[in-house]
């Protein structure tokens, strides 16, 4: 696997020519984001640490 600047940091990203990752996120030109219903990149997805805060 190549080192792609668009990888979210897991090392498992497989991103196609349109910037879509196998996990469903979309490259918006700056970061990986959850796609909007029209298939375009939306707001950046929260970091994993942000989604797990307070779950200890």
PDB file of N, CA and C in Angstrom:
ATOM      1  N   UNK A   1       0.848  -1.176   0.000  1.00  0.00           N
ATOM      2  CA  UNK A   1       0.000   0.000   0.000  1.00  0.00           C
ATOM      3  C   UNK A   1       0.892   1.239   0.000  1.00  0.00           C
ATOM      4  N   UNK A   2       0.473   2.278  -0.689  1.00  0.00           N
ATOM      5  CA  UNK A   2       1.272   3.493  -0.754  1.00  0.00           C
ATOM      6  C   UNK A   2       0.888   4.443   0.362  1.00  0.00           C
ATOM      7  N   UNK A   3       1.803   5.359   0.667  1.00  0.00           N
ATOM      8  CA  UNK A   3       1.510   6.398   1.655  1.00  0.00           C
ATOM      9  C   UNK A   3       0.740   7.505   0.954  1.00  0.00           C
ATOM     10  N   UNK A   4      -0.544   7.577   1.198  1.00  0.00           N
ATOM     11  CA  UNK A   4      -1.418   8.561   0.563  1.00  0.00           C
ATOM     12  C   UNK A   4      -1.728   9.636   1.588  1.00  0.00           C
ATOM     13  N   UNK A   5      -1.505  10.915   1.248  1.00  0.00           N
ATOM     14  CA  UNK A   5      -1.771  12.003   2.186  1.00  0.00           C
ATOM     15  C   UNK A   5      -3.232  12.065   2.616  1.00  0.00           C
ATOM     16  N   UNK A   6      -4.116  11.450   1.844  1.00  0.00           N
ATOM     17  CA  UNK A   6      -5.538  11.474   2.167  1.00  0.00           C
ATOM     18  C   UNK A   6      -5.931  10.416   3.184  1.00  0.00           C
ATOM     19  N   UNK A   7      -5.038   9.509   3.527  1.00  0.00           N
ATOM     20  CA  UNK A   7      -5.356   8.443   4.484  1.00  0.00           C
ATOM     21  C   UNK A   7      -5.726   9.038   5.840  1.00  0.00           C
ATOM     22  N   UNK A   8      -6.723   8.462   6.480  1.00  0.00           N
ATOM     23  CA  UNK A   8      -7.206   8.967   7.767  1.00  0.00           C
ATOM     24  C   UNK A   8      -6.277   8.620   8.922  1.00  0.00           C
ATOM     25  N   UNK A   9      -5.252   7.821   8.666  1.00  0.00           N
ATOM     26  CA  UNK A   9      -4.302   7.475   9.703  1.00  0.00           C
ATOM     27  C   UNK A   9      -4.362   6.021  10.134  1.00  0.00           C
ATOM     28  N   UNK A  10      -5.366   5.287   9.660  1.00  0.00           N
ATOM     29  CA  UNK A  10      -5.485   3.885  10.033  1.00  0.00           C
ATOM     30  C   UNK A  10      -4.531   3.002   9.246  1.00  0.00           C
ATOM     31  N   UNK A  11      -4.092   3.495   8.090  1.00  0.00           N
ATOM     32  CA  UNK A  11      -3.244   2.700   7.226  1.00  0.00           C
ATOM     33  C   UNK A  11      -4.022   1.705   6.389  1.00  0.00           C
ATOM     34  N   UNK A  12      -5.349   1.761   6.441  1.00  0.00           N
ATOM     35  CA  UNK A  12      -6.187   0.825   5.690  1.00  0.00           C
ATOM     36  C   UNK A  12      -6.976   1.499   4.570  1.00  0.00           C
ATOM     37  N   UNK A  13      -6.724   2.771   4.333  1.00  0.00           N
ATOM     38  CA  UNK A  13      -7.482   3.494   3.308  1.00  0.00           C
ATOM     39  C   UNK A  13      -7.166   2.970   1.913  1.00  0.00           C
ATOM     40  N   UNK A  14      -8.210   2.790   1.132  1.00  0.00           N
ATOM     41  CA  UNK A  14      -8.098   2.472  -0.291  1.00  0.00           C
ATOM     42  C   UNK A  14      -8.957   3.512  -0.992  1.00  0.00           C
ATOM     43  N   UNK A  15      -8.310   4.511  -1.574  1.00  0.00           N
ATOM     44  CA  UNK A  15      -9.000   5.678  -2.120  1.00  0.00           C
ATOM     45  C   UNK A  15      -8.939   5.639  -3.640  1.00  0.00           C
ATOM     46  N   UNK A  16     -10.122   5.773  -4.294  1.00  0.00           N
ATOM     47  CA  UNK A  16     -10.168   5.737  -5.752  1.00  0.00           C
ATOM     48  C   UNK A  16      -9.849   7.114  -6.342  1.00  0.00           C
ATOM     49  N   UNK A  17      -9.863   7.206  -7.665  1.00  0.00           N
ATOM     50  CA  UNK A  17      -9.504   8.442  -8.368  1.00  0.00           C
ATOM     51  C   UNK A  17     -10.450   9.599  -8.053  1.00  0.00           C
ATOM     52  N   UNK A  18     -11.684   9.287  -7.623  1.00  0.00           N
ATOM     53  CA  UNK A  18     -12.651  10.332  -7.272  1.00  0.00           C
ATOM     54  C   UNK A  18     -12.545  10.745  -5.803  1.00  0.00           C
ATOM     55  N   UNK A  19     -11.612  10.176  -5.061  1.00  0.00           N
ATOM     56  CA  UNK A  19     -11.416  10.528  -3.665  1.00  0.00           C
ATOM     57  C   UNK A  19     -12.305   9.774  -2.697  1.00  0.00           C
ATOM     58  N   UNK A  20     -12.951   8.700  -3.156  1.00  0.00           N
ATOM     59  CA  UNK A  20     -13.821   7.904  -2.290  1.00  0.00           C
ATOM     60  C   UNK A  20     -13.023   6.777  -1.663  1.00  0.00           C
ATOM     61  N   UNK A  21     -13.161   6.613  -0.350  1.00  0.00           N
ATOM     62  CA  UNK A  21     -12.505   5.528   0.367  1.00  0.00           C
ATOM     63  C   UNK A  21     -13.477   4.359   0.500  1.00  0.00           C
ATOM     64  N   UNK A  22     -12.946   3.158   0.677  1.00  0.00           N
ATOM     65  CA  UNK A  22     -13.788   1.969   0.844  1.00  0.00           C
ATOM     66  C   UNK A  22     -14.700   2.093   2.058  1.00  0.00           C
ATOM     67  N   UNK A  23     -14.316   2.902   3.068  1.00  0.00           N
ATOM     68  CA  UNK A  23     -15.108   3.035   4.287  1.00  0.00           C
ATOM     69  C   UNK A  23     -16.290   3.989   4.127  1.00  0.00           C
ATOM     70  N   UNK A  24     -16.363   4.677   2.993  1.00  0.00           N
ATOM     71  CA  UNK A  24     -17.487   5.574   2.743  1.00  0.00           C
ATOM     72  C   UNK A  24     -17.139   7.043   2.844  1.00  0.00           C
ATOM     73  N   UNK A  25     -15.967   7.368   3.375  1.00  0.00           N
ATOM     74  CA  UNK A  25     -15.590   8.771   3.450  1.00  0.00           C
ATOM     75  C   UNK A  25     -15.161   9.280   2.082  1.00  0.00           C
ATOM     76  N   UNK A  26     -15.206  10.596   1.909  1.00  0.00           N
ATOM     77  CA  UNK A  26     -14.896  11.258   0.641  1.00  0.00           C
ATOM     78  C   UNK A  26     -13.872  12.354   0.898  1.00  0.00           C
ATOM     79  N   UNK A  27     -12.864  12.465   0.037  1.00  0.00           N
ATOM     80  CA  UNK A  27     -11.857  13.519   0.145  1.00  0.00           C
ATOM     81  C   UNK A  27     -12.472  14.833  -0.315  1.00  0.00           C
ATOM     82  N   UNK A  28     -12.371  15.899   0.520  1.00  0.00           N
ATOM     83  CA  UNK A  28     -12.949  17.192   0.139  1.00  0.00           C
ATOM     84  C   UNK A  28     -11.904  18.190  -0.323  1.00  0.00           C
ATOM     85  N   UNK A  29     -10.678  17.753  -0.473  1.00  0.00           N
ATOM     86  CA  UNK A  29      -9.598  18.634  -0.888  1.00  0.00           C
ATOM     87  C   UNK A  29      -8.684  18.992   0.259  1.00  0.00           C
ATOM     88  N   UNK A  30      -9.183  18.831   1.493  1.00  0.00           N
ATOM     89  CA  UNK A  30      -8.401  19.120   2.690  1.00  0.00           C
ATOM     90  C   UNK A  30      -8.325  17.932   3.639  1.00  0.00           C
ATOM     91  N   UNK A  31      -9.425  17.192   3.744  1.00  0.00           N
ATOM     92  CA  UNK A  31      -9.508  16.088   4.702  1.00  0.00           C
ATOM     93  C   UNK A  31     -10.556  15.082   4.247  1.00  0.00           C
ATOM     94  N   UNK A  32     -10.578  13.917   4.865  1.00  0.00           N
ATOM     95  CA  UNK A  32     -11.611  12.933   4.569  1.00  0.00           C
ATOM     96  C   UNK A  32     -12.877  13.313   5.340  1.00  0.00           C
ATOM     97  N   UNK A  33     -14.033  13.206   4.678  1.00  0.00           N
ATOM     98  CA  UNK A  33     -15.312  13.629   5.251  1.00  0.00           C
ATOM     99  C   UNK A  33     -16.390  12.594   4.962  1.00  0.00           C
ATOM    100  N   UNK A  34     -17.440  12.660   5.764  1.00  0.00           N
ATOM    101  CA  UNK A  34     -18.626  11.872   5.464  1.00  0.00           C
ATOM    102  C   UNK A  34     -19.294  12.508   4.246  1.00  0.00           C
ATOM    103  N   UNK A  35     -19.669  11.718   3.235  1.00  0.00           N
ATOM    104  CA  UNK A  35     -20.293  12.302   2.043  1.00  0.00           C
ATOM    105  C   UNK A  35     -21.704  12.799   2.334  1.00  0.00           C
ATOM    106  N   UNK A  36     -22.135  13.787   1.569  1.00  0.00           N
ATOM    107  CA  UNK A  36     -23.504  14.287   1.655  1.00  0.00           C
ATOM    108  C   UNK A  36     -24.384  13.402   0.772  1.00  0.00           C
ATOM    109  N   UNK A  37     -25.717  13.516   0.883  1.00  0.00           N
ATOM    110  CA  UNK A  37     -26.602  12.674   0.072  1.00  0.00           C
ATOM    111  C   UNK A  37     -26.368  12.797  -1.435  1.00  0.00           C
ATOM    112  N   UNK A  38     -25.854  13.944  -1.906  1.00  0.00           N
ATOM    113  CA  UNK A  38     -25.597  14.091  -3.339  1.00  0.00           C
ATOM    114  C   UNK A  38     -24.259  13.485  -3.762  1.00  0.00           C
ATOM    115  N   UNK A  39     -23.547  12.858  -2.802  1.00  0.00           N
ATOM    116  CA  UNK A  39     -22.306  12.171  -3.114  1.00  0.00           C
ATOM    117  C   UNK A  39     -21.064  13.028  -3.022  1.00  0.00           C
ATOM    118  N   UNK A  40     -21.225  14.296  -2.697  1.00  0.00           N
ATOM    119  CA  UNK A  40     -20.077  15.185  -2.564  1.00  0.00           C
ATOM    120  C   UNK A  40     -19.565  15.153  -1.129  1.00  0.00           C
ATOM    121  N   UNK A  41     -18.328  15.554  -0.943  1.00  0.00           N
ATOM    122  CA  UNK A  41     -17.746  15.581   0.400  1.00  0.00           C
ATOM    123  C   UNK A  41     -18.415  16.659   1.233  1.00  0.00           C
ATOM    124  N   UNK A  42     -18.757  16.310   2.462  1.00  0.00           N
ATOM    125  CA  UNK A  42     -19.387  17.257   3.371  1.00  0.00           C
ATOM    126  C   UNK A  42     -18.392  17.763   4.397  1.00  0.00           C
ATOM    127  N   UNK A  43     -18.851  17.915   5.619  1.00  0.00           N
ATOM    128  CA  UNK A  43     -17.996  18.369   6.709  1.00  0.00           C
ATOM    129  C   UNK A  43     -17.057  17.246   7.134  1.00  0.00           C
ATOM    130  N   UNK A  44     -15.867  17.604   7.617  1.00  0.00           N
ATOM    131  CA  UNK A  44     -14.938  16.561   8.083  1.00  0.00           C
ATOM    132  C   UNK A  44     -15.565  15.692   9.156  1.00  0.00           C
ATOM    133  N   UNK A  45     -15.279  14.409   9.096  1.00  0.00           N
ATOM    134  CA  UNK A  45     -15.754  13.473  10.119  1.00  0.00           C
ATOM    135  C   UNK A  45     -14.994  13.730  11.417  1.00  0.00           C
ATOM    136  N   UNK A  46     -15.623  13.538  12.572  1.00  0.00           N
ATOM    137  CA  UNK A  46     -14.914  13.758  13.844  1.00  0.00           C
ATOM    138  C   UNK A  46     -13.785  12.758  14.005  1.00  0.00           C
ATOM    139  N   UNK A  47     -12.740  13.185  14.701  1.00  0.00           N
ATOM    140  CA  UNK A  47     -11.635  12.288  14.987  1.00  0.00           C
ATOM    141  C   UNK A  47     -12.106  11.156  15.886  1.00  0.00           C
ATOM    142  N   UNK A  48     -11.466  10.015  15.794  1.00  0.00           N
ATOM    143  CA  UNK A  48     -11.846   8.858  16.600  1.00  0.00           C
ATOM    144  C   UNK A  48     -11.833   9.208  18.081  1.00  0.00           C
ATOM    145  N   UNK A  49     -10.840   9.947  18.535  1.00  0.00           N
ATOM    146  CA  UNK A  49     -10.742  10.319  19.949  1.00  0.00           C
ATOM    147  C   UNK A  49     -11.939  11.166  20.376  1.00  0.00           C
ATOM    148  N   UNK A  50     -12.440  12.024  19.461  1.00  0.00           N
ATOM    149  CA  UNK A  50     -13.599  12.862  19.772  1.00  0.00           C
ATOM    150  C   UNK A  50     -14.870  12.023  19.930  1.00  0.00           C
ATOM    151  N   UNK A  51     -15.000  10.968  19.147  1.00  0.00           N
ATOM    152  CA  UNK A  51     -16.211  10.147  19.219  1.00  0.00           C
ATOM    153  C   UNK A  51     -16.224   9.208  20.413  1.00  0.00           C
ATOM    154  N   UNK A  52     -15.052   8.966  21.012  1.00  0.00           N
ATOM    155  CA  UNK A  52     -14.962   8.048  22.137  1.00  0.00           C
ATOM    156  C   UNK A  52     -14.846   8.773  23.473  1.00  0.00           C
ATOM    157  N   UNK A  53     -14.833  10.089  23.468  1.00  0.00           N
ATOM    158  CA  UNK A  53     -14.700  10.863  24.697  1.00  0.00           C
ATOM    159  C   UNK A  53     -15.868  10.579  25.626  1.00  0.00           C
ATOM    160  N   UNK A  54     -15.576  10.297  26.860  1.00  0.00           N
ATOM    161  CA  UNK A  54     -16.608  10.069  27.857  1.00  0.00           C
ATOM    162  C   UNK A  54     -17.186   8.665  27.853  1.00  0.00           C
ATOM    163  N   UNK A  55     -16.569   7.751  27.125  1.00  0.00           N
ATOM    164  CA  UNK A  55     -17.098   6.389  27.085  1.00  0.00           C
ATOM    165  C   UNK A  55     -16.292   5.432  27.945  1.00  0.00           C
ATOM    166  N   UNK A  56     -15.346   5.962  28.717  1.00  0.00           N
ATOM    167  CA  UNK A  56     -14.531   5.081  29.554  1.00  0.00           C
ATOM    168  C   UNK A  56     -15.321   4.533  30.700  1.00  0.00           C
TER     169      UNK A  56
END
